[in-house]
Amino acid sequence: MALRFGPEVCTTKTDYGTVLLDQRSGDYWELNPTGTLVVRTLLDGGGEAAAVDALVAEFDISRPRAEQDVADLVRELRESGLAS
């Protein structure tokens, strides 16, 4: 399923990855390059399987590890209220 951030969430690319700012609370999260790739893939309409494929292709990571990392990040973003 594609990922969507609420209108109160701002994203900014950095030299290291991406920063997410929740304007409601002032909290922010810094995504590393792998998290950035996952979020970019999902925001562009790809599903979790596409994000896993992107991680495996871009980084030296096993498919099971990529699957777990994608699932964990998506769960954390949704539980935090940043994404739906």
PDB file of N, CA and C in Angstrom:
ATOM      1  N   MET A   1       0.835  -1.166   0.000  1.00  0.00           N
ATOM      2  CA  MET A   1       0.000   0.000   0.000  1.00  0.00           C
ATOM      3  C   MET A   1       0.889   1.241   0.000  1.00  0.00           C
ATOM      4  N   ALA A   2       0.508   2.235  -0.776  1.00  0.00           N
ATOM      5  CA  ALA A   2       1.254   3.485  -0.842  1.00  0.00           C
ATOM      6  C   ALA A   2       1.166   4.203   0.505  1.00  0.00           C
ATOM      7  N   LEU A   3       2.121   5.051   0.737  1.00  0.00           N
ATOM      8  CA  LEU A   3       2.203   5.801   1.984  1.00  0.00           C
ATOM      9  C   LEU A   3       1.827   7.250   1.708  1.00  0.00           C
ATOM     10  N   ARG A   4       1.120   7.852   2.650  1.00  0.00           N
ATOM     11  CA  ARG A   4       0.772   9.266   2.543  1.00  0.00           C
ATOM     12  C   ARG A   4       1.036   9.927   3.887  1.00  0.00           C
ATOM     13  N   PHE A   5       1.696  11.091   3.828  1.00  0.00           N
ATOM     14  CA  PHE A   5       1.879  11.891   5.030  1.00  0.00           C
ATOM     15  C   PHE A   5       0.731  12.866   5.137  1.00  0.00           C
ATOM     16  N   GLY A   6       0.367  13.197   6.371  1.00  0.00           N
ATOM     17  CA  GLY A   6      -0.663  14.192   6.585  1.00  0.00           C
ATOM     18  C   GLY A   6      -0.159  15.574   6.187  1.00  0.00           C
ATOM     19  N   PRO A   7      -1.069  16.531   6.027  1.00  0.00           N
ATOM     20  CA  PRO A   7      -0.685  17.873   5.595  1.00  0.00           C
ATOM     21  C   PRO A   7       0.189  18.604   6.612  1.00  0.00           C
ATOM     22  N   GLU A   8       0.204  18.134   7.856  1.00  0.00           N
ATOM     23  CA  GLU A   8       1.010  18.771   8.891  1.00  0.00           C
ATOM     24  C   GLU A   8       2.437  18.225   8.966  1.00  0.00           C
ATOM     25  N   VAL A   9       2.784  17.324   8.051  1.00  0.00           N
ATOM     26  CA  VAL A   9       4.128  16.736   8.038  1.00  0.00           C
ATOM     27  C   VAL A   9       4.923  17.326   6.877  1.00  0.00           C
ATOM     28  N   CYS A  10       6.065  17.899   7.213  1.00  0.00           N
ATOM     29  CA  CYS A  10       6.972  18.464   6.205  1.00  0.00           C
ATOM     30  C   CYS A  10       8.161  17.526   6.048  1.00  0.00           C
ATOM     31  N   THR A  11       8.636  17.401   4.834  1.00  0.00           N
ATOM     32  CA  THR A  11       9.828  16.599   4.572  1.00  0.00           C
ATOM     33  C   THR A  11      10.892  17.487   3.944  1.00  0.00           C
ATOM     34  N   THR A  12      12.130  17.247   4.339  1.00  0.00           N
ATOM     35  CA  THR A  12      13.253  17.990   3.794  1.00  0.00           C
ATOM     36  C   THR A  12      14.411  17.034   3.572  1.00  0.00           C
ATOM     37  N   LYS A  13      14.958  17.067   2.369  1.00  0.00           N
ATOM     38  CA  LYS A  13      16.138  16.256   2.082  1.00  0.00           C
ATOM     39  C   LYS A  13      17.349  16.902   2.742  1.00  0.00           C
ATOM     40  N   THR A  14      18.248  16.071   3.232  1.00  0.00           N
ATOM     41  CA  THR A  14      19.496  16.535   3.825  1.00  0.00           C
ATOM     42  C   THR A  14      20.649  15.825   3.128  1.00  0.00           C
ATOM     43  N   ASP A  15      21.858  16.179   3.495  1.00  0.00           N
ATOM     44  CA  ASP A  15      23.018  15.493   2.935  1.00  0.00           C
ATOM     45  C   ASP A  15      23.036  14.023   3.321  1.00  0.00           C
ATOM     46  N   TYR A  16      22.430  13.688   4.439  1.00  0.00           N
ATOM     47  CA  TYR A  16      22.455  12.317   4.942  1.00  0.00           C
ATOM     48  C   TYR A  16      21.219  11.512   4.558  1.00  0.00           C
ATOM     49  N   GLY A  17      20.076  12.149   4.429  1.00  0.00           N
ATOM     50  CA  GLY A  17      18.836  11.423   4.150  1.00  0.00           C
ATOM     51  C   GLY A  17      17.668  12.378   4.057  1.00  0.00           C
ATOM     52  N   THR A  18      16.703  12.216   4.948  1.00  0.00           N
ATOM     53  CA  THR A  18      15.503  13.045   4.950  1.00  0.00           C
ATOM     54  C   THR A  18      15.094  13.317   6.393  1.00  0.00           C
ATOM     55  N   VAL A  19      14.614  14.531   6.634  1.00  0.00           N
ATOM     56  CA  VAL A  19      14.061  14.887   7.935  1.00  0.00           C
ATOM     57  C   VAL A  19      12.557  15.059   7.768  1.00  0.00           C
ATOM     58  N   LEU A  20      11.810  14.483   8.693  1.00  0.00           N
ATOM     59  CA  LEU A  20      10.361  14.618   8.745  1.00  0.00           C
ATOM     60  C   LEU A  20      10.030  15.479   9.957  1.00  0.00           C
ATOM     61  N   LEU A  21       9.207  16.503   9.780  1.00  0.00           N
ATOM     62  CA  LEU A  21       8.799  17.373  10.873  1.00  0.00           C
ATOM     63  C   LEU A  21       7.295  17.297  11.035  1.00  0.00           C
ATOM     64  N   ASP A  22       6.863  16.959  12.237  1.00  0.00           N
ATOM     65  CA  ASP A  22       5.443  16.968  12.584  1.00  0.00           C
ATOM     66  C   ASP A  22       5.150  18.351  13.151  1.00  0.00           C
ATOM     67  N   GLN A  23       4.486  19.183  12.383  1.00  0.00           N
ATOM     68  CA  GLN A  23       4.227  20.563  12.797  1.00  0.00           C
ATOM     69  C   GLN A  23       3.247  20.653  13.972  1.00  0.00           C
ATOM     70  N   ARG A  24       2.480  19.598  14.208  1.00  0.00           N
ATOM     71  CA  ARG A  24       1.549  19.602  15.345  1.00  0.00           C
ATOM     72  C   ARG A  24       2.315  19.572  16.660  1.00  0.00           C
ATOM     73  N   SER A  25       3.326  18.728  16.738  1.00  0.00           N
ATOM     74  CA  SER A  25       4.036  18.524  18.001  1.00  0.00           C
ATOM     75  C   SER A  25       5.424  19.158  18.025  1.00  0.00           C
ATOM     76  N   GLY A  26       5.962  19.447  16.846  1.00  0.00           N
ATOM     77  CA  GLY A  26       7.330  19.939  16.775  1.00  0.00           C
ATOM     78  C   GLY A  26       8.356  18.814  16.770  1.00  0.00           C
ATOM     79  N   ASP A  27       7.894  17.573  16.826  1.00  0.00           N
ATOM     80  CA  ASP A  27       8.803  16.421  16.789  1.00  0.00           C
ATOM     81  C   ASP A  27       9.338  16.230  15.384  1.00  0.00           C
ATOM     82  N   TYR A  28      10.562  15.742  15.304  1.00  0.00           N
ATOM     83  CA  TYR A  28      11.109  15.433  13.990  1.00  0.00           C
ATOM     84  C   TYR A  28      11.860  14.111  14.028  1.00  0.00           C
ATOM     85  N   TRP A  29      11.942  13.515  12.868  1.00  0.00           N
ATOM     86  CA  TRP A  29      12.622  12.247  12.682  1.00  0.00           C
ATOM     87  C   TRP A  29      13.618  12.418  11.548  1.00  0.00           C
ATOM     88  N   GLU A  30      14.788  11.835  11.721  1.00  0.00           N
ATOM     89  CA  GLU A  30      15.777  11.856  10.644  1.00  0.00           C
ATOM     90  C   GLU A  30      15.891  10.452  10.069  1.00  0.00           C
ATOM     91  N   LEU A  31      15.612  10.335   8.789  1.00  0.00           N
ATOM     92  CA  LEU A  31      15.711   9.055   8.101  1.00  0.00           C
ATOM     93  C   LEU A  31      17.079   8.932   7.464  1.00  0.00           C
ATOM     94  N   ASN A  32      17.689   7.772   7.628  1.00  0.00           N
ATOM     95  CA  ASN A  32      18.968   7.510   6.964  1.00  0.00           C
ATOM     96  C   ASN A  32      18.705   7.220   5.485  1.00  0.00           C
ATOM     97  N   PRO A  33      19.750   6.970   4.700  1.00  0.00           N
ATOM     98  CA  PRO A  33      19.530   6.729   3.269  1.00  0.00           C
ATOM     99  C   PRO A  33      18.585   5.560   2.966  1.00  0.00           C
ATOM    100  N   THR A  34      18.625   4.505   3.762  1.00  0.00           N
ATOM    101  CA  THR A  34      17.719   3.390   3.490  1.00  0.00           C
ATOM    102  C   THR A  34      16.272   3.784   3.791  1.00  0.00           C
ATOM    103  N   GLY A  35      16.057   4.484   4.902  1.00  0.00           N
ATOM    104  CA  GLY A  35      14.707   4.958   5.227  1.00  0.00           C
ATOM    105  C   GLY A  35      14.190   5.932   4.186  1.00  0.00           C
ATOM    106  N   THR A  36      15.075   6.782   3.701  1.00  0.00           N
ATOM    107  CA  THR A  36      14.703   7.732   2.656  1.00  0.00           C
ATOM    108  C   THR A  36      14.264   7.011   1.395  1.00  0.00           C
ATOM    109  N   LEU A  37      14.989   5.977   1.000  1.00  0.00           N
ATOM    110  CA  LEU A  37      14.626   5.213  -0.195  1.00  0.00           C
ATOM    111  C   LEU A  37      13.271   4.537  -0.013  1.00  0.00           C
ATOM    112  N   VAL A  38      13.036   3.979   1.154  1.00  0.00           N
ATOM    113  CA  VAL A  38      11.745   3.330   1.428  1.00  0.00           C
ATOM    114  C   VAL A  38      10.619   4.348   1.338  1.00  0.00           C
ATOM    115  N   VAL A  39      10.757   5.470   2.018  1.00  0.00           N
ATOM    116  CA  VAL A  39       9.706   6.486   2.019  1.00  0.00           C
ATOM    117  C   VAL A  39       9.484   7.040   0.623  1.00  0.00           C
ATOM    118  N   ARG A  40      10.555   7.324  -0.098  1.00  0.00           N
ATOM    119  CA  ARG A  40      10.408   7.858  -1.453  1.00  0.00           C
ATOM    120  C   ARG A  40       9.656   6.867  -2.339  1.00  0.00           C
ATOM    121  N   THR A  41       9.994   5.591  -2.243  1.00  0.00           N
ATOM    122  CA  THR A  41       9.326   4.568  -3.051  1.00  0.00           C
ATOM    123  C   THR A  41       7.836   4.507  -2.720  1.00  0.00           C
ATOM    124  N   LEU A  42       7.510   4.534  -1.431  1.00  0.00           N
ATOM    125  CA  LEU A  42       6.112   4.453  -1.015  1.00  0.00           C
ATOM    126  C   LEU A  42       5.330   5.717  -1.366  1.00  0.00           C
ATOM    127  N   LEU A  43       5.949   6.876  -1.198  1.00  0.00           N
ATOM    128  CA  LEU A  43       5.261   8.121  -1.549  1.00  0.00           C
ATOM    129  C   LEU A  43       5.023   8.242  -3.046  1.00  0.00           C
ATOM    130  N   ASP A  44       5.886   7.602  -3.832  1.00  0.00           N
ATOM    131  CA  ASP A  44       5.729   7.617  -5.288  1.00  0.00           C
ATOM    132  C   ASP A  44       4.694   6.604  -5.766  1.00  0.00           C
ATOM    133  N   GLY A  45       4.024   5.941  -4.813  1.00  0.00           N
ATOM    134  CA  GLY A  45       2.942   5.038  -5.175  1.00  0.00           C
ATOM    135  C   GLY A  45       3.296   3.570  -5.171  1.00  0.00           C
ATOM    136  N   GLY A  46       4.549   3.249  -4.898  1.00  0.00           N
ATOM    137  CA  GLY A  46       4.947   1.849  -4.818  1.00  0.00           C
ATOM    138  C   GLY A  46       4.471   1.228  -3.521  1.00  0.00           C
ATOM    139  N   GLY A  47       4.336  -0.054  -3.530  1.00  0.00           N
ATOM    140  CA  GLY A  47       3.955  -0.769  -2.325  1.00  0.00           C
ATOM    141  C   GLY A  47       5.181  -1.195  -1.534  1.00  0.00           C
ATOM    142  N   GLU A  48       4.926  -1.894  -0.444  1.00  0.00           N
ATOM    143  CA  GLU A  48       6.033  -2.353   0.395  1.00  0.00           C
ATOM    144  C   GLU A  48       6.953  -3.306  -0.359  1.00  0.00           C
ATOM    145  N   ALA A  49       6.410  -4.127  -1.243  1.00  0.00           N
ATOM    146  CA  ALA A  49       7.252  -5.045  -2.029  1.00  0.00           C
ATOM    147  C   ALA A  49       8.204  -4.259  -2.930  1.00  0.00           C
ATOM    148  N   ALA A  50       7.730  -3.157  -3.496  1.00  0.00           N
ATOM    149  CA  ALA A  50       8.588  -2.316  -4.338  1.00  0.00           C
ATOM    150  C   ALA A  50       9.683  -1.677  -3.502  1.00  0.00           C
ATOM    151  N   ALA A  51       9.359  -1.279  -2.275  1.00  0.00           N
ATOM    152  CA  ALA A  51      10.366  -0.696  -1.387  1.00  0.00           C
ATOM    153  C   ALA A  51      11.420  -1.743  -1.013  1.00  0.00           C
ATOM    154  N   VAL A  52      10.992  -2.973  -0.771  1.00  0.00           N
ATOM    155  CA  VAL A  52      11.939  -4.057  -0.491  1.00  0.00           C
ATOM    156  C   VAL A  52      12.852  -4.271  -1.691  1.00  0.00           C
ATOM    157  N   ASP A  53      12.278  -4.334  -2.875  1.00  0.00           N
ATOM    158  CA  ASP A  53      13.080  -4.514  -4.093  1.00  0.00           C
ATOM    159  C   ASP A  53      14.104  -3.385  -4.245  1.00  0.00           C
ATOM    160  N   ALA A  54      13.673  -2.155  -3.960  1.00  0.00           N
ATOM    161  CA  ALA A  54      14.579  -1.007  -4.082  1.00  0.00           C
ATOM    162  C   ALA A  54      15.735  -1.118  -3.092  1.00  0.00           C
ATOM    163  N   LEU A  55      15.453  -1.531  -1.865  1.00  0.00           N
ATOM    164  CA  LEU A  55      16.517  -1.690  -0.872  1.00  0.00           C
ATOM    165  C   LEU A  55      17.515  -2.763  -1.278  1.00  0.00           C
ATOM    166  N   VAL A  56      17.000  -3.897  -1.719  1.00  0.00           N
ATOM    167  CA  VAL A  56      17.876  -5.000  -2.116  1.00  0.00           C
ATOM    168  C   VAL A  56      18.755  -4.602  -3.298  1.00  0.00           C
ATOM    169  N   ALA A  57      18.179  -3.846  -4.236  1.00  0.00           N
ATOM    170  CA  ALA A  57      18.932  -3.426  -5.420  1.00  0.00           C
ATOM    171  C   ALA A  57      19.985  -2.369  -5.091  1.00  0.00           C
ATOM    172  N   GLU A  58      19.679  -1.485  -4.145  1.00  0.00           N
ATOM    173  CA  GLU A  58      20.552  -0.339  -3.861  1.00  0.00           C
ATOM    174  C   GLU A  58      21.615  -0.613  -2.797  1.00  0.00           C
ATOM    175  N   PHE A  59      21.274  -1.452  -1.823  1.00  0.00           N
ATOM    176  CA  PHE A  59      22.165  -1.673  -0.685  1.00  0.00           C
ATOM    177  C   PHE A  59      22.504  -3.153  -0.545  1.00  0.00           C
ATOM    178  N   ASP A  60      23.581  -3.425   0.132  1.00  0.00           N
ATOM    179  CA  ASP A  60      24.008  -4.802   0.380  1.00  0.00           C
ATOM    180  C   ASP A  60      23.214  -5.336   1.570  1.00  0.00           C
ATOM    181  N   ILE A  61      21.977  -5.767   1.287  1.00  0.00           N
ATOM    182  CA  ILE A  61      21.057  -6.202   2.336  1.00  0.00           C
ATOM    183  C   ILE A  61      20.267  -7.410   1.826  1.00  0.00           C
ATOM    184  N   SER A  62      20.019  -8.346   2.711  1.00  0.00           N
ATOM    185  CA  SER A  62      19.262  -9.539   2.316  1.00  0.00           C
ATOM    186  C   SER A  62      17.781  -9.190   2.206  1.00  0.00           C
ATOM    187  N   ARG A  63      17.067  -9.960   1.421  1.00  0.00           N
ATOM    188  CA  ARG A  63      15.631  -9.728   1.250  1.00  0.00           C
ATOM    189  C   ARG A  63      14.876  -9.840   2.580  1.00  0.00           C
ATOM    190  N   PRO A  64      15.127 -10.875   3.410  1.00  0.00           N
ATOM    191  CA  PRO A  64      14.395 -10.932   4.685  1.00  0.00           C
ATOM    192  C   PRO A  64      14.660  -9.708   5.573  1.00  0.00           C
ATOM    193  N   ARG A  65      15.890  -9.236   5.593  1.00  0.00           N
ATOM    194  CA  ARG A  65      16.209  -8.043   6.391  1.00  0.00           C
ATOM    195  C   ARG A  65      15.500  -6.818   5.816  1.00  0.00           C
ATOM    196  N   ALA A  66      15.491  -6.688   4.494  1.00  0.00           N
ATOM    197  CA  ALA A  66      14.812  -5.559   3.850  1.00  0.00           C
ATOM    198  C   ALA A  66      13.318  -5.602   4.143  1.00  0.00           C
ATOM    199  N   GLU A  67      12.715  -6.771   4.090  1.00  0.00           N
ATOM    200  CA  GLU A  67      11.286  -6.906   4.375  1.00  0.00           C
ATOM    201  C   GLU A  67      10.979  -6.460   5.801  1.00  0.00           C
ATOM    202  N   GLN A  68      11.815  -6.870   6.741  1.00  0.00           N
ATOM    203  CA  GLN A  68      11.609  -6.490   8.139  1.00  0.00           C
ATOM    204  C   GLN A  68      11.804  -4.992   8.333  1.00  0.00           C
ATOM    205  N   ASP A  69      12.838  -4.436   7.707  1.00  0.00           N
ATOM    206  CA  ASP A  69      13.103  -3.003   7.837  1.00  0.00           C
ATOM    207  C   ASP A  69      11.960  -2.162   7.272  1.00  0.00           C
ATOM    208  N   VAL A  70      11.444  -2.550   6.127  1.00  0.00           N
ATOM    209  CA  VAL A  70      10.330  -1.809   5.513  1.00  0.00           C
ATOM    210  C   VAL A  70       9.091  -1.901   6.411  1.00  0.00           C
ATOM    211  N   ALA A  71       8.768  -3.092   6.865  1.00  0.00           N
ATOM    212  CA  ALA A  71       7.590  -3.277   7.726  1.00  0.00           C
ATOM    213  C   ALA A  71       7.730  -2.460   9.008  1.00  0.00           C
ATOM    214  N   ASP A  72       8.920  -2.472   9.614  1.00  0.00           N
ATOM    215  CA  ASP A  72       9.143  -1.723  10.852  1.00  0.00           C
ATOM    216  C   ASP A  72       8.985  -0.220  10.634  1.00  0.00           C
ATOM    217  N   LEU A  73       9.579   0.300   9.572  1.00  0.00           N
ATOM    218  CA  LEU A  73       9.497   1.737   9.312  1.00  0.00           C
ATOM    219  C   LEU A  73       8.058   2.171   9.036  1.00  0.00           C
ATOM    220  N   VAL A  74       7.366   1.429   8.209  1.00  0.00           N
ATOM    221  CA  VAL A  74       5.973   1.770   7.894  1.00  0.00           C
ATOM    222  C   VAL A  74       5.116   1.729   9.157  1.00  0.00           C
ATOM    223  N   ARG A  75       5.312   0.711   9.981  1.00  0.00           N
ATOM    224  CA  ARG A  75       4.553   0.599  11.233  1.00  0.00           C
ATOM    225  C   ARG A  75       4.841   1.806  12.135  1.00  0.00           C
ATOM    226  N   GLU A  76       6.110   2.171  12.277  1.00  0.00           N
ATOM    227  CA  GLU A  76       6.471   3.293  13.142  1.00  0.00           C
ATOM    228  C   GLU A  76       5.893   4.615  12.630  1.00  0.00           C
ATOM    229  N   LEU A  77       5.932   4.815  11.320  1.00  0.00           N
ATOM    230  CA  LEU A  77       5.376   6.045  10.749  1.00  0.00           C
ATOM    231  C   LEU A  77       3.868   6.130  10.977  1.00  0.00           C
ATOM    232  N   ARG A  78       3.193   5.011  10.836  1.00  0.00           N
ATOM    233  CA  ARG A  78       1.738   4.994  11.037  1.00  0.00           C
ATOM    234  C   ARG A  78       1.384   5.135  12.514  1.00  0.00           C
ATOM    235  N   GLU A  79       2.111   4.427  13.386  1.00  0.00           N
ATOM    236  CA  GLU A  79       1.824   4.496  14.819  1.00  0.00           C
ATOM    237  C   GLU A  79       2.090   5.899  15.377  1.00  0.00           C
ATOM    238  N   SER A  80       3.056   6.592  14.800  1.00  0.00           N
ATOM    239  CA  SER A  80       3.382   7.941  15.259  1.00  0.00           C
ATOM    240  C   SER A  80       2.361   8.968  14.771  1.00  0.00           C
ATOM    241  N   GLY A  81       1.488   8.569  13.844  1.00  0.00           N
ATOM    242  CA  GLY A  81       0.494   9.469  13.289  1.00  0.00           C
ATOM    243  C   GLY A  81       1.006  10.316  12.136  1.00  0.00           C
ATOM    244  N   LEU A  82       2.243  10.057  11.697  1.00  0.00           N
ATOM    245  CA  LEU A  82       2.794  10.820  10.583  1.00  0.00           C
ATOM    246  C   LEU A  82       2.199  10.399   9.258  1.00  0.00           C
ATOM    247  N   ALA A  83       1.903   9.117   9.129  1.00  0.00           N
ATOM    248  CA  ALA A  83       1.490   8.583   7.827  1.00  0.00           C
ATOM    249  C   ALA A  83       0.246   7.737   7.969  1.00  0.00           C
ATOM    250  N   SER A  84      -0.401   7.593   6.837  1.00  0.00           N
ATOM    251  CA  SER A  84      -1.562   6.699   6.750  1.00  0.00           C
ATOM    252  C   SER A  84      -1.360   5.754   5.589  1.00  0.00           C
TER     253      SER A  84
END
